[in-house]
Structure formats: C-alpha cells, structure tokens
PDB file of all heavy atoms in Angstrom:
ATOM      1  N   GLU A   1      45.117 -79.104 -26.149  1.00  0.00           N
ATOM      2  CA  GLU A   1      45.790 -80.321 -26.618  1.00  0.00           C
ATOM      3  C   GLU A   1      45.809 -80.431 -28.137  1.00  0.00           C
ATOM      4  O   GLU A   1      46.359 -81.374 -28.678  1.00  0.00           O
ATOM      5  CB  GLU A   1      45.126 -81.566 -26.022  1.00  0.00           C
ATOM      6  CG  GLU A   1      45.421 -81.769 -24.567  1.00  0.00           C
ATOM      7  CD  GLU A   1      46.880 -82.083 -24.288  1.00  0.00           C
ATOM      8  OE1 GLU A   1      47.537 -82.757 -25.106  1.00  0.00           O
ATOM      9  OE2 GLU A   1      47.366 -81.649 -23.222  1.00  0.00           O
ATOM     10  N   GLY A   2      45.157 -79.509 -28.825  1.00  0.00           N
ATOM     11  CA  GLY A   2      45.252 -79.488 -30.276  1.00  0.00           C
ATOM     12  C   GLY A   2      44.132 -80.166 -31.034  1.00  0.00           C
ATOM     13  O   GLY A   2      44.276 -80.454 -32.219  1.00  0.00           O
ATOM     14  N   VAL A   3      42.991 -80.409 -30.364  1.00  0.00           N
ATOM     15  CA  VAL A   3      41.861 -80.945 -31.109  1.00  0.00           C
ATOM     16  C   VAL A   3      41.533 -79.959 -32.237  1.00  0.00           C
ATOM     17  O   VAL A   3      41.689 -78.746 -32.087  1.00  0.00           O
ATOM     18  CB  VAL A   3      40.665 -81.211 -30.164  1.00  0.00           C
ATOM     19  CG1 VAL A   3      40.001 -79.931 -29.702  1.00  0.00           C
ATOM     20  CG2 VAL A   3      39.646 -82.108 -30.791  1.00  0.00           C
ATOM     21  N   PHE A   4      41.127 -80.482 -33.398  1.00  0.00           N
ATOM     22  CA  PHE A   4      40.901 -79.630 -34.567  1.00  0.00           C
ATOM     23  C   PHE A   4      39.748 -78.650 -34.342  1.00  0.00           C
ATOM     24  O   PHE A   4      39.890 -77.454 -34.551  1.00  0.00           O
ATOM     25  CB  PHE A   4      40.636 -80.509 -35.794  1.00  0.00           C
ATOM     26  CG  PHE A   4      40.305 -79.754 -37.050  1.00  0.00           C
ATOM     27  CD1 PHE A   4      41.201 -78.856 -37.601  1.00  0.00           C
ATOM     28  CD2 PHE A   4      39.083 -79.948 -37.681  1.00  0.00           C
ATOM     29  CE1 PHE A   4      40.890 -78.160 -38.759  1.00  0.00           C
ATOM     30  CE2 PHE A   4      38.770 -79.267 -38.850  1.00  0.00           C
ATOM     31  CZ  PHE A   4      39.677 -78.369 -39.385  1.00  0.00           C
ATOM     32  N   ARG A   5      38.604 -79.154 -33.911  1.00  0.00           N
ATOM     33  CA  ARG A   5      37.434 -78.334 -33.661  1.00  0.00           C
ATOM     34  C   ARG A   5      36.632 -78.934 -32.505  1.00  0.00           C
ATOM     35  O   ARG A   5      36.690 -80.136 -32.247  1.00  0.00           O
ATOM     36  CB  ARG A   5      36.496 -78.281 -34.871  1.00  0.00           C
ATOM     37  CG  ARG A   5      37.080 -77.685 -36.125  1.00  0.00           C
ATOM     38  CD  ARG A   5      36.931 -76.169 -36.125  1.00  0.00           C
ATOM     39  NE  ARG A   5      37.273 -75.614 -37.425  1.00  0.00           N
ATOM     40  CZ  ARG A   5      38.492 -75.292 -37.815  1.00  0.00           C
ATOM     41  NH1 ARG A   5      39.501 -75.479 -37.011  1.00  0.00           N
ATOM     42  NH2 ARG A   5      38.709 -74.776 -39.005  1.00  0.00           N
ATOM     43  N   ILE A   6      35.833 -78.073 -31.862  1.00  0.00           N
ATOM     44  CA  ILE A   6      34.879 -78.489 -30.843  1.00  0.00           C
ATOM     45  C   ILE A   6      33.520 -77.988 -31.304  1.00  0.00           C
ATOM     46  O   ILE A   6      33.312 -76.778 -31.421  1.00  0.00           O
ATOM     47  CB  ILE A   6      35.240 -77.909 -29.457  1.00  0.00           C
ATOM     48  CG1 ILE A   6      36.646 -78.356 -29.059  1.00  0.00           C
ATOM     49  CG2 ILE A   6      34.188 -78.302 -28.425  1.00  0.00           C
ATOM     50  CD1 ILE A   6      37.300 -77.491 -28.020  1.00  0.00           C
ATOM     51  N   HIS A   7      32.620 -78.911 -31.583  1.00  0.00           N
ATOM     52  CA  HIS A   7      31.284 -78.546 -32.053  1.00  0.00           C
ATOM     53  C   HIS A   7      30.332 -78.485 -30.865  1.00  0.00           C
ATOM     54  O   HIS A   7      30.133 -79.490 -30.178  1.00  0.00           O
ATOM     55  CB  HIS A   7      30.782 -79.568 -33.080  1.00  0.00           C
ATOM     56  CG  HIS A   7      31.322 -79.330 -34.446  1.00  0.00           C
ATOM     57  ND1 HIS A   7      30.503 -79.151 -35.539  1.00  0.00           N
ATOM     58  CD2 HIS A   7      32.588 -79.217 -34.906  1.00  0.00           C
ATOM     59  CE1 HIS A   7      31.244 -78.952 -36.613  1.00  0.00           C
ATOM     60  NE2 HIS A   7      32.521 -78.993 -36.256  1.00  0.00           N
ATOM     61  N   LEU A   8      29.765 -77.310 -30.628  1.00  0.00           N
ATOM     62  CA  LEU A   8      28.797 -77.128 -29.550  1.00  0.00           C
ATOM     63  C   LEU A   8      27.409 -77.454 -30.097  1.00  0.00           C
ATOM     64  O   LEU A   8      26.856 -76.714 -30.919  1.00  0.00           O
ATOM     65  CB  LEU A   8      28.839 -75.700 -29.008  1.00  0.00           C
ATOM     66  CG  LEU A   8      27.869 -75.396 -27.862  1.00  0.00           C
ATOM     67  CD1 LEU A   8      28.152 -76.288 -26.649  1.00  0.00           C
ATOM     68  CD2 LEU A   8      27.927 -73.923 -27.481  1.00  0.00           C
ATOM     69  N   ARG A   9      26.884 -78.592 -29.639  1.00  0.00           N
ATOM     70  CA  ARG A   9      25.571 -79.067 -30.094  1.00  0.00           C
ATOM     71  C   ARG A   9      24.651 -79.132 -28.878  1.00  0.00           C
ATOM     72  O   ARG A   9      24.667 -80.088 -28.124  1.00  0.00           O
ATOM     73  CB  ARG A   9      25.710 -80.445 -30.742  1.00  0.00           C
ATOM     74  CG  ARG A   9      24.413 -80.965 -31.292  1.00  0.00           C
ATOM     75  CD  ARG A   9      24.598 -82.350 -31.912  1.00  0.00           C
ATOM     76  NE  ARG A   9      23.322 -82.901 -32.294  1.00  0.00           N
ATOM     77  CZ  ARG A   9      22.511 -83.565 -31.468  1.00  0.00           C
ATOM     78  NH1 ARG A   9      22.863 -83.782 -30.219  1.00  0.00           N
ATOM     79  NH2 ARG A   9      21.363 -84.020 -31.901  1.00  0.00           N
ATOM     80  N   ARG A  10      23.855 -78.085 -28.700  1.00  0.00           N
ATOM     81  CA  ARG A  10      22.919 -78.009 -27.587  1.00  0.00           C
ATOM     82  C   ARG A  10      21.543 -77.600 -28.128  1.00  0.00           C
ATOM     83  O   ARG A  10      21.120 -76.449 -28.008  1.00  0.00           O
ATOM     84  CB  ARG A  10      23.389 -76.986 -26.542  1.00  0.00           C
ATOM     85  CG  ARG A  10      24.622 -77.436 -25.789  1.00  0.00           C
ATOM     86  CD  ARG A  10      24.249 -78.561 -24.816  1.00  0.00           C
ATOM     87  NE  ARG A  10      25.336 -79.450 -24.508  1.00  0.00           N
ATOM     88  CZ  ARG A  10      26.392 -79.154 -23.763  1.00  0.00           C
ATOM     89  NH1 ARG A  10      26.551 -77.969 -23.247  1.00  0.00           N
ATOM     90  NH2 ARG A  10      27.310 -80.067 -23.542  1.00  0.00           N
ATOM     91  N   PRO A  11      20.825 -78.538 -28.747  1.00  0.00           N
ATOM     92  CA  PRO A  11      19.552 -78.195 -29.386  1.00  0.00           C
ATOM     93  C   PRO A  11      18.495 -77.631 -28.436  1.00  0.00           C
ATOM     94  O   PRO A  11      17.613 -76.900 -28.869  1.00  0.00           O
ATOM     95  CB  PRO A  11      19.088 -79.512 -30.004  1.00  0.00           C
ATOM     96  CG  PRO A  11      19.907 -80.579 -29.392  1.00  0.00           C
ATOM     97  CD  PRO A  11      21.167 -79.940 -28.899  1.00  0.00           C
ATOM     98  N   GLU A  12      18.604 -77.913 -27.150  1.00  0.00           N
ATOM     99  CA  GLU A  12      17.595 -77.440 -26.187  1.00  0.00           C
ATOM    100  C   GLU A  12      17.921 -76.064 -25.606  1.00  0.00           C
ATOM    101  O   GLU A  12      17.080 -75.456 -24.943  1.00  0.00           O
ATOM    102  CB  GLU A  12      17.423 -78.453 -25.052  1.00  0.00           C
ATOM    103  CG  GLU A  12      17.036 -79.847 -25.515  1.00  0.00           C
ATOM    104  CD  GLU A  12      15.710 -79.877 -26.262  1.00  0.00           C
ATOM    105  OE1 GLU A  12      14.762 -79.186 -25.833  1.00  0.00           O
ATOM    106  OE2 GLU A  12      15.635 -80.586 -27.287  1.00  0.00           O
ATOM    107  N   TRP A  13      19.129 -75.577 -25.826  1.00  0.00           N
ATOM    108  CA  TRP A  13      19.508 -74.290 -25.236  1.00  0.00           C
ATOM    109  C   TRP A  13      18.982 -73.135 -26.065  1.00  0.00           C
ATOM    110  O   TRP A  13      19.019 -73.166 -27.305  1.00  0.00           O
ATOM    111  CB  TRP A  13      21.023 -74.181 -25.159  1.00  0.00           C
ATOM    112  CG  TRP A  13      21.641 -74.914 -24.004  1.00  0.00           C
ATOM    113  CD1 TRP A  13      21.036 -75.787 -23.151  1.00  0.00           C
ATOM    114  CD2 TRP A  13      22.997 -74.833 -23.599  1.00  0.00           C
ATOM    115  NE1 TRP A  13      21.932 -76.258 -22.233  1.00  0.00           N
ATOM    116  CE2 TRP A  13      23.158 -75.688 -22.485  1.00  0.00           C
ATOM    117  CE3 TRP A  13      24.100 -74.142 -24.073  1.00  0.00           C
ATOM    118  CZ2 TRP A  13      24.367 -75.843 -21.821  1.00  0.00           C
ATOM    119  CZ3 TRP A  13      25.316 -74.301 -23.430  1.00  0.00           C
ATOM    120  CH2 TRP A  13      25.443 -75.139 -22.308  1.00  0.00           C
ATOM    121  N   ASP A  14      18.557 -72.083 -25.376  1.00  0.00           N
ATOM    122  CA  ASP A  14      18.152 -70.873 -26.087  1.00  0.00           C
ATOM    123  C   ASP A  14      19.396 -70.020 -26.370  1.00  0.00           C
ATOM    124  O   ASP A  14      20.513 -70.354 -25.946  1.00  0.00           O
ATOM    125  CB  ASP A  14      17.082 -70.099 -25.311  1.00  0.00           C
ATOM    126  CG  ASP A  14      17.562 -69.551 -23.964  1.00  0.00           C
ATOM    127  OD1 ASP A  14      18.789 -69.453 -23.719  1.00  0.00           O
ATOM    128  OD2 ASP A  14      16.703 -69.208 -23.132  1.00  0.00           O
ATOM    129  N   LEU A  15      19.177 -68.928 -27.064  1.00  0.00           N
ATOM    130  CA  LEU A  15      20.275 -68.049 -27.473  1.00  0.00           C
ATOM    131  C   LEU A  15      21.073 -67.544 -26.274  1.00  0.00           C
ATOM    132  O   LEU A  15      22.302 -67.590 -26.267  1.00  0.00           O
ATOM    133  CB  LEU A  15      19.725 -66.875 -28.284  1.00  0.00           C
ATOM    134  CG  LEU A  15      20.736 -65.832 -28.740  1.00  0.00           C
ATOM    135  CD1 LEU A  15      21.638 -66.404 -29.829  1.00  0.00           C
ATOM    136  CD2 LEU A  15      20.026 -64.585 -29.233  1.00  0.00           C
ATOM    137  N   GLU A  16      20.385 -67.063 -25.236  1.00  0.00           N
ATOM    138  CA  GLU A  16      21.085 -66.469 -24.098  1.00  0.00           C
ATOM    139  C   GLU A  16      21.886 -67.507 -23.314  1.00  0.00           C
ATOM    140  O   GLU A  16      23.015 -67.234 -22.883  1.00  0.00           O
ATOM    141  CB  GLU A  16      20.098 -65.744 -23.181  1.00  0.00           C
ATOM    142  CG  GLU A  16      20.777 -64.887 -22.131  1.00  0.00           C
ATOM    143  CD  GLU A  16      21.755 -63.850 -22.698  1.00  0.00           C
ATOM    144  OE1 GLU A  16      21.573 -63.343 -23.828  1.00  0.00           O
ATOM    145  OE2 GLU A  16      22.755 -63.555 -22.006  1.00  0.00           O
ATOM    146  N   LYS A  17      21.351 -68.684 -23.129  1.00  0.00           N
ATOM    147  CA  LYS A  17      22.092 -69.728 -22.408  1.00  0.00           C
ATOM    148  C   LYS A  17      23.352 -70.111 -23.179  1.00  0.00           C
ATOM    149  O   LYS A  17      24.416 -70.315 -22.597  1.00  0.00           O
ATOM    150  CB  LYS A  17      21.197 -70.950 -22.192  1.00  0.00           C
ATOM    151  CG  LYS A  17      21.810 -71.985 -21.284  1.00  0.00           C
ATOM    152  CD  LYS A  17      20.793 -73.013 -20.841  1.00  0.00           C
ATOM    153  CE  LYS A  17      21.386 -73.891 -19.775  1.00  0.00           C
ATOM    154  NZ  LYS A  17      20.409 -74.777 -19.173  1.00  0.00           N
ATOM    155  N   THR A  18      23.235 -70.183 -24.502  1.00  0.00           N
ATOM    156  CA  THR A  18      24.393 -70.497 -25.344  1.00  0.00           C
ATOM    157  C   THR A  18      25.438 -69.391 -25.241  1.00  0.00           C
ATOM    158  O   THR A  18      26.633 -69.655 -25.079  1.00  0.00           O
ATOM    159  CB  THR A  18      23.952 -70.703 -26.801  1.00  0.00           C
ATOM    160  OG1 THR A  18      22.936 -71.709 -26.843  1.00  0.00           O
ATOM    161  CG2 THR A  18      25.113 -71.098 -27.689  1.00  0.00           C
ATOM    162  N   ARG A  19      24.980 -68.147 -25.306  1.00  0.00           N
ATOM    163  CA  ARG A  19      25.883 -67.002 -25.213  1.00  0.00           C
ATOM    164  C   ARG A  19      26.633 -67.011 -23.874  1.00  0.00           C
ATOM    165  O   ARG A  19      27.852 -66.826 -23.836  1.00  0.00           O
ATOM    166  CB  ARG A  19      25.098 -65.703 -25.368  1.00  0.00           C
ATOM    167  CG  ARG A  19      25.963 -64.453 -25.275  1.00  0.00           C
ATOM    168  CD  ARG A  19      25.134 -63.180 -25.314  1.00  0.00           C
ATOM    169  NE  ARG A  19      24.667 -62.911 -26.655  1.00  0.00           N
ATOM    170  CZ  ARG A  19      23.379 -62.739 -26.982  1.00  0.00           C
ATOM    171  NH1 ARG A  19      22.427 -62.836 -26.061  1.00  0.00           N
ATOM    172  NH2 ARG A  19      23.050 -62.459 -28.226  1.00  0.00           N
ATOM    173  N   LEU A  20      25.921 -67.220 -22.766  1.00  0.00           N
ATOM    174  CA  LEU A  20      26.553 -67.233 -21.442  1.00  0.00           C
ATOM    175  C   LEU A  20      27.581 -68.353 -21.325  1.00  0.00           C
ATOM    176  O   LEU A  20      28.660 -68.156 -20.756  1.00  0.00           O
ATOM    177  CB  LEU A  20      25.489 -67.376 -20.355  1.00  0.00           C
ATOM    178  CG  LEU A  20      24.655 -66.128 -20.090  1.00  0.00           C
ATOM    179  CD1 LEU A  20      23.499 -66.454 -19.145  1.00  0.00           C
ATOM    180  CD2 LEU A  20      25.511 -64.996 -19.534  1.00  0.00           C
ATOM    181  N   PHE A  21      27.266 -69.515 -21.866  1.00  0.00           N
ATOM    182  CA  PHE A  21      28.218 -70.632 -21.839  1.00  0.00           C
ATOM    183  C   PHE A  21      29.489 -70.257 -22.596  1.00  0.00           C
ATOM    184  O   PHE A  21      30.603 -70.487 -22.116  1.00  0.00           O
ATOM    185  CB  PHE A  21      27.570 -71.876 -22.447  1.00  0.00           C
ATOM    186  CG  PHE A  21      28.471 -73.070 -22.471  1.00  0.00           C
ATOM    187  CD1 PHE A  21      28.712 -73.796 -21.319  1.00  0.00           C
ATOM    188  CD2 PHE A  21      29.089 -73.468 -23.650  1.00  0.00           C
ATOM    189  CE1 PHE A  21      29.553 -74.909 -21.334  1.00  0.00           C
ATOM    190  CE2 PHE A  21      29.931 -74.575 -23.679  1.00  0.00           C
ATOM    191  CZ  PHE A  21      30.167 -75.292 -22.515  1.00  0.00           C
ATOM    192  N   LEU A  22      29.346 -69.674 -23.762  1.00  0.00           N
ATOM    193  CA  LEU A  22      30.504 -69.345 -24.595  1.00  0.00           C
ATOM    194  C   LEU A  22      31.368 -68.237 -24.000  1.00  0.00           C
ATOM    195  O   LEU A  22      32.591 -68.241 -24.164  1.00  0.00           O
ATOM    196  CB  LEU A  22      30.039 -68.943 -25.993  1.00  0.00           C
ATOM    197  CG  LEU A  22      29.448 -70.071 -26.837  1.00  0.00           C
ATOM    198  CD1 LEU A  22      28.780 -69.515 -28.083  1.00  0.00           C
ATOM    199  CD2 LEU A  22      30.520 -71.080 -27.199  1.00  0.00           C
ATOM    200  N   ARG A  23      30.770 -67.313 -23.292  1.00  0.00           N
ATOM    201  CA  ARG A  23      31.516 -66.164 -22.758  1.00  0.00           C
ATOM    202  C   ARG A  23      32.531 -66.534 -21.685  1.00  0.00           C
ATOM    203  O   ARG A  23      33.389 -65.727 -21.336  1.00  0.00           O
ATOM    204  CB  ARG A  23      30.565 -65.099 -22.246  1.00  0.00           C
ATOM    205  CG  ARG A  23      29.876 -64.429 -23.404  1.00  0.00           C
ATOM    206  CD  ARG A  23      29.178 -63.192 -22.996  1.00  0.00           C
ATOM    207  NE  ARG A  23      28.559 -62.646 -24.193  1.00  0.00           N
ATOM    208  CZ  ARG A  23      28.554 -61.382 -24.507  1.00  0.00           C
ATOM    209  NH1 ARG A  23      29.139 -60.518 -23.719  1.00  0.00           N
ATOM    210  NH2 ARG A  23      27.973 -60.976 -25.608  1.00  0.00           N
ATOM    211  N   GLN A  24      32.491 -67.745 -21.183  1.00  0.00           N
ATOM    212  CA  GLN A  24      33.463 -68.158 -20.170  1.00  0.00           C
ATOM    213  C   GLN A  24      34.814 -68.550 -20.773  1.00  0.00           C
ATOM    214  O   GLN A  24      35.788 -68.731 -20.062  1.00  0.00           O
ATOM    215  CB  GLN A  24      32.910 -69.311 -19.336  1.00  0.00           C
ATOM    216  CG  GLN A  24      32.759 -70.617 -20.079  1.00  0.00           C
ATOM    217  CD  GLN A  24      32.092 -71.685 -19.240  1.00  0.00           C
ATOM    218  OE1 GLN A  24      32.515 -71.944 -18.115  1.00  0.00           O
ATOM    219  NE2 GLN A  24      31.056 -72.293 -19.782  1.00  0.00           N
ATOM    220  N   PHE A  25      34.871 -68.666 -22.102  1.00  0.00           N
ATOM    221  CA  PHE A  25      36.083 -69.157 -22.750  1.00  0.00           C
ATOM    222  C   PHE A  25      36.938 -68.023 -23.306  1.00  0.00           C
ATOM    223  O   PHE A  25      36.438 -66.985 -23.705  1.00  0.00           O
ATOM    224  CB  PHE A  25      35.732 -70.123 -23.885  1.00  0.00           C
ATOM    225  CG  PHE A  25      35.030 -71.365 -23.409  1.00  0.00           C
ATOM    226  CD1 PHE A  25      33.701 -71.588 -23.722  1.00  0.00           C
ATOM    227  CD2 PHE A  25      35.703 -72.304 -22.638  1.00  0.00           C
ATOM    228  CE1 PHE A  25      33.045 -72.728 -23.286  1.00  0.00           C
ATOM    229  CE2 PHE A  25      35.062 -73.449 -22.188  1.00  0.00           C
ATOM    230  CZ  PHE A  25      33.724 -73.660 -22.513  1.00  0.00           C
ATOM    231  N   SER A  26      38.239 -68.287 -23.372  1.00  0.00           N
ATOM    232  CA  SER A  26      39.182 -67.337 -23.955  1.00  0.00           C
ATOM    233  C   SER A  26      38.998 -67.282 -25.473  1.00  0.00           C
ATOM    234  O   SER A  26      38.366 -68.158 -26.073  1.00  0.00           O
ATOM    235  CB  SER A  26      40.614 -67.772 -23.638  1.00  0.00           C
ATOM    236  OG  SER A  26      40.904 -68.985 -24.345  1.00  0.00           O
ATOM    237  N   VAL A  27      39.594 -66.285 -26.080  1.00  0.00           N
ATOM    238  CA  VAL A  27      39.563 -66.154 -27.535  1.00  0.00           C
ATOM    239  C   VAL A  27      40.180 -67.383 -28.195  1.00  0.00           C
ATOM    240  O   VAL A  27      39.692 -67.862 -29.225  1.00  0.00           O
ATOM    241  CB  VAL A  27      40.286 -64.860 -27.981  1.00  0.00           C
ATOM    242  CG1 VAL A  27      40.468 -64.813 -29.489  1.00  0.00           C
ATOM    243  CG2 VAL A  27      39.539 -63.635 -27.492  1.00  0.00           C
ATOM    244  N   GLU A  28      41.235 -67.924 -27.591  1.00  0.00           N
ATOM    245  CA  GLU A  28      41.896 -69.101 -28.160  1.00  0.00           C
ATOM    246  C   GLU A  28      40.952 -70.303 -28.208  1.00  0.00           C
ATOM    247  O   GLU A  28      40.929 -71.047 -29.183  1.00  0.00           O
ATOM    248  CB  GLU A  28      43.154 -69.459 -27.359  1.00  0.00           C
ATOM    249  CG  GLU A  28      44.280 -68.473 -27.488  1.00  0.00           C
ATOM    250  CD  GLU A  28      44.099 -67.233 -26.600  1.00  0.00           C
ATOM    251  OE1 GLU A  28      43.271 -67.256 -25.648  1.00  0.00           O
ATOM    252  OE2 GLU A  28      44.770 -66.224 -26.867  1.00  0.00           O
ATOM    253  N   VAL A  29      40.183 -70.504 -27.145  1.00  0.00           N
ATOM    254  CA  VAL A  29      39.230 -71.618 -27.122  1.00  0.00           C
ATOM    255  C   VAL A  29      38.077 -71.339 -28.079  1.00  0.00           C
ATOM    256  O   VAL A  29      37.678 -72.207 -28.863  1.00  0.00           O
ATOM    257  CB  VAL A  29      38.729 -71.894 -25.683  1.00  0.00           C
ATOM    258  CG1 VAL A  29      37.625 -72.946 -25.691  1.00  0.00           C
ATOM    259  CG2 VAL A  29      39.883 -72.325 -24.790  1.00  0.00           C
ATOM    260  N   LEU A  30      37.537 -70.120 -28.045  1.00  0.00           N
ATOM    261  CA  LEU A  30      36.430 -69.769 -28.944  1.00  0.00           C
ATOM    262  C   LEU A  30      36.812 -69.970 -30.408  1.00  0.00           C
ATOM    263  O   LEU A  30      35.972 -70.356 -31.227  1.00  0.00           O
ATOM    264  CB  LEU A  30      35.996 -68.322 -28.720  1.00  0.00           C
ATOM    265  CG  LEU A  30      35.268 -68.027 -27.411  1.00  0.00           C
ATOM    266  CD1 LEU A  30      35.045 -66.526 -27.254  1.00  0.00           C
ATOM    267  CD2 LEU A  30      33.953 -68.779 -27.321  1.00  0.00           C
TER     268      LEU A  30
END
C-alpha cells in the first residue's frame, strides 16, 4: 500500500528468531 518504512522492533527476539521471521518476506517487502 506504499507505507514509507516498517520498523521491526522486537527487543526480546534473538538473532535467529529475527532472521526466520524476515526470511518469509519477498525482496520488495524486505
């Protein structure tokens, strides 16, 4: 829909959980 940015703020997540969450998205979303 054209939102400028999406800030992922997950202070409790470790590196691997963050990585797995991000890998589900297309290059356009990333």
